Amino acid sequence: MAAVLTKLSELPIGGRGIVREFPSQDPAFLRMREMGLLVGTTVTLVRTAPLGDPLEILLRGYHLSIRKVDAARVLVETLP
């Protein structure tokens, strides 16, 4: 059975997922990879800014803020 993928930007607050796909050549994503956002990384959506952008995620023991438009291009496999 294939895993259902959802956009990181669509996770509910407190929702967790495993990164499965994201653009590989975009400069913003090259920087995110340098900060530890890699395929196979577990992420948790901690909170969103009052107007919905940016999003704060927890990964590898630290918090990272990313733009909602970038989070929409990251696909995650949701975890219970």
C-alpha atoms as a PDB file:
ATOM      1  CA  MET A   1       0.000   0.000   0.000  1.00  0.00           C
ATOM      2  CA  ALA A   2       1.445   3.369  -1.029  1.00  0.00           C
ATOM      3  CA  ALA A   3       1.872   6.086   1.568  1.00  0.00           C
ATOM      4  CA  VAL A   4      -0.320   9.155   1.260  1.00  0.00           C
ATOM      5  CA  LEU A   5       1.761  12.307   0.850  1.00  0.00           C
ATOM      6  CA  THR A   6       0.616  15.741   1.943  1.00  0.00           C
ATOM      7  CA  LYS A   7       2.162  19.189   1.733  1.00  0.00           C
ATOM      8  CA  LEU A   8       4.114  20.290   4.793  1.00  0.00           C
ATOM      9  CA  SER A   9       2.088  23.517   4.718  1.00  0.00           C
ATOM     10  CA  GLU A  10      -1.114  21.503   5.197  1.00  0.00           C
ATOM     11  CA  LEU A  11      -0.077  19.675   8.379  1.00  0.00           C
ATOM     12  CA  PRO A  12      -2.157  20.667  11.406  1.00  0.00           C
ATOM     13  CA  ILE A  13      -0.351  22.334  14.307  1.00  0.00           C
ATOM     14  CA  GLY A  14       1.333  19.528  16.225  1.00  0.00           C
ATOM     15  CA  GLY A  15       1.159  17.286  13.145  1.00  0.00           C
ATOM     16  CA  ARG A  16       4.193  15.155  12.347  1.00  0.00           C
ATOM     17  CA  GLY A  17       5.501  13.787   9.102  1.00  0.00           C
ATOM     18  CA  ILE A  18       8.515  12.317   7.372  1.00  0.00           C
ATOM     19  CA  VAL A  19       9.915  14.330   4.479  1.00  0.00           C
ATOM     20  CA  ARG A  20       9.577  12.278   1.292  1.00  0.00           C
ATOM     21  CA  GLU A  21      10.029  14.781  -1.584  1.00  0.00           C
ATOM     22  CA  PHE A  22      11.110  18.361  -2.212  1.00  0.00           C
ATOM     23  CA  PRO A  23      12.685  20.355  -5.054  1.00  0.00           C
ATOM     24  CA  SER A  24      16.384  19.622  -5.317  1.00  0.00           C
ATOM     25  CA  GLN A  25      17.770  22.509  -7.378  1.00  0.00           C
ATOM     26  CA  ASP A  26      16.009  25.573  -5.973  1.00  0.00           C
ATOM     27  CA  PRO A  27      18.491  27.744  -3.982  1.00  0.00           C
ATOM     28  CA  ALA A  28      16.056  28.010  -1.062  1.00  0.00           C
ATOM     29  CA  PHE A  29      15.919  24.233  -0.811  1.00  0.00           C
ATOM     30  CA  LEU A  30      19.670  23.885  -1.092  1.00  0.00           C
ATOM     31  CA  ARG A  31      19.876  26.088   2.009  1.00  0.00           C
ATOM     32  CA  MET A  32      17.180  24.025   3.762  1.00  0.00           C
ATOM     33  CA  ARG A  33      19.171  20.856   3.089  1.00  0.00           C
ATOM     34  CA  GLU A  34      22.208  22.522   4.649  1.00  0.00           C
ATOM     35  CA  MET A  35      20.050  23.156   7.744  1.00  0.00           C
ATOM     36  CA  GLY A  36      19.070  19.477   7.982  1.00  0.00           C
ATOM     37  CA  LEU A  37      15.762  19.283   6.088  1.00  0.00           C
ATOM     38  CA  LEU A  38      16.458  16.089   4.153  1.00  0.00           C
ATOM     39  CA  VAL A  39      14.370  13.266   2.741  1.00  0.00           C
ATOM     40  CA  GLY A  40      13.700  10.903   5.642  1.00  0.00           C
ATOM     41  CA  THR A  41      13.759  13.640   8.308  1.00  0.00           C
ATOM     42  CA  THR A  42      10.873  13.694  10.794  1.00  0.00           C
ATOM     43  CA  VAL A  43       9.326  17.150  11.178  1.00  0.00           C
ATOM     44  CA  THR A  44       6.631  18.558  13.464  1.00  0.00           C
ATOM     45  CA  LEU A  45       4.637  21.697  12.680  1.00  0.00           C
ATOM     46  CA  VAL A  46       4.969  23.752  15.869  1.00  0.00           C
ATOM     47  CA  ARG A  47       3.032  26.883  14.954  1.00  0.00           C
ATOM     48  CA  THR A  48       2.214  29.419  12.298  1.00  0.00           C
ATOM     49  CA  ALA A  49       2.556  33.186  12.438  1.00  0.00           C
ATOM     50  CA  PRO A  50      -0.680  35.116  13.119  1.00  0.00           C
ATOM     51  CA  LEU A  51      -1.257  35.713   9.396  1.00  0.00           C
ATOM     52  CA  GLY A  52      -0.244  32.149   8.475  1.00  0.00           C
ATOM     53  CA  ASP A  53       3.261  32.837   7.204  1.00  0.00           C
ATOM     54  CA  PRO A  54       5.962  31.759   8.096  1.00  0.00           C
ATOM     55  CA  LEU A  55       5.621  28.297   9.622  1.00  0.00           C
ATOM     56  CA  GLU A  56       7.748  27.047  12.502  1.00  0.00           C
ATOM     57  CA  ILE A  57       8.813  23.414  12.294  1.00  0.00           C
ATOM     58  CA  LEU A  58      10.777  21.223  14.674  1.00  0.00           C
ATOM     59  CA  LEU A  59      13.405  18.952  13.170  1.00  0.00           C
ATOM     60  CA  ARG A  60      16.552  17.310  14.501  1.00  0.00           C
ATOM     61  CA  GLY A  61      16.072  18.996  17.885  1.00  0.00           C
ATOM     62  CA  TYR A  62      15.815  22.610  16.716  1.00  0.00           C
ATOM     63  CA  HIS A  63      13.202  25.024  15.408  1.00  0.00           C
ATOM     64  CA  LEU A  64      13.250  26.305  11.836  1.00  0.00           C
ATOM     65  CA  SER A  65      10.974  28.942  10.302  1.00  0.00           C
ATOM     66  CA  ILE A  66      10.149  28.552   6.629  1.00  0.00           C
ATOM     67  CA  ARG A  67       7.873  30.422   4.259  1.00  0.00           C
ATOM     68  CA  LYS A  68       4.494  28.846   3.629  1.00  0.00           C
ATOM     69  CA  VAL A  69       5.093  28.907  -0.145  1.00  0.00           C
ATOM     70  CA  ASP A  70       8.262  26.823   0.361  1.00  0.00           C
ATOM     71  CA  ALA A  71       6.532  24.461   2.799  1.00  0.00           C
ATOM     72  CA  ALA A  72       3.865  23.852   0.146  1.00  0.00           C
ATOM     73  CA  ARG A  73       6.549  22.329  -2.098  1.00  0.00           C
ATOM     74  CA  VAL A  74       7.731  19.846   0.550  1.00  0.00           C
ATOM     75  CA  LEU A  75       5.811  16.560   0.596  1.00  0.00           C
ATOM     76  CA  VAL A  76       5.600  14.587   3.824  1.00  0.00           C
ATOM     77  CA  GLU A  77       4.208  11.220   4.836  1.00  0.00           C
ATOM     78  CA  THR A  78       2.023  11.972   7.847  1.00  0.00           C
ATOM     79  CA  LEU A  79       2.599  10.155  11.131  1.00  0.00           C
ATOM     80  CA  PRO A  80      -0.015   9.369  13.771  1.00  0.00           C
END
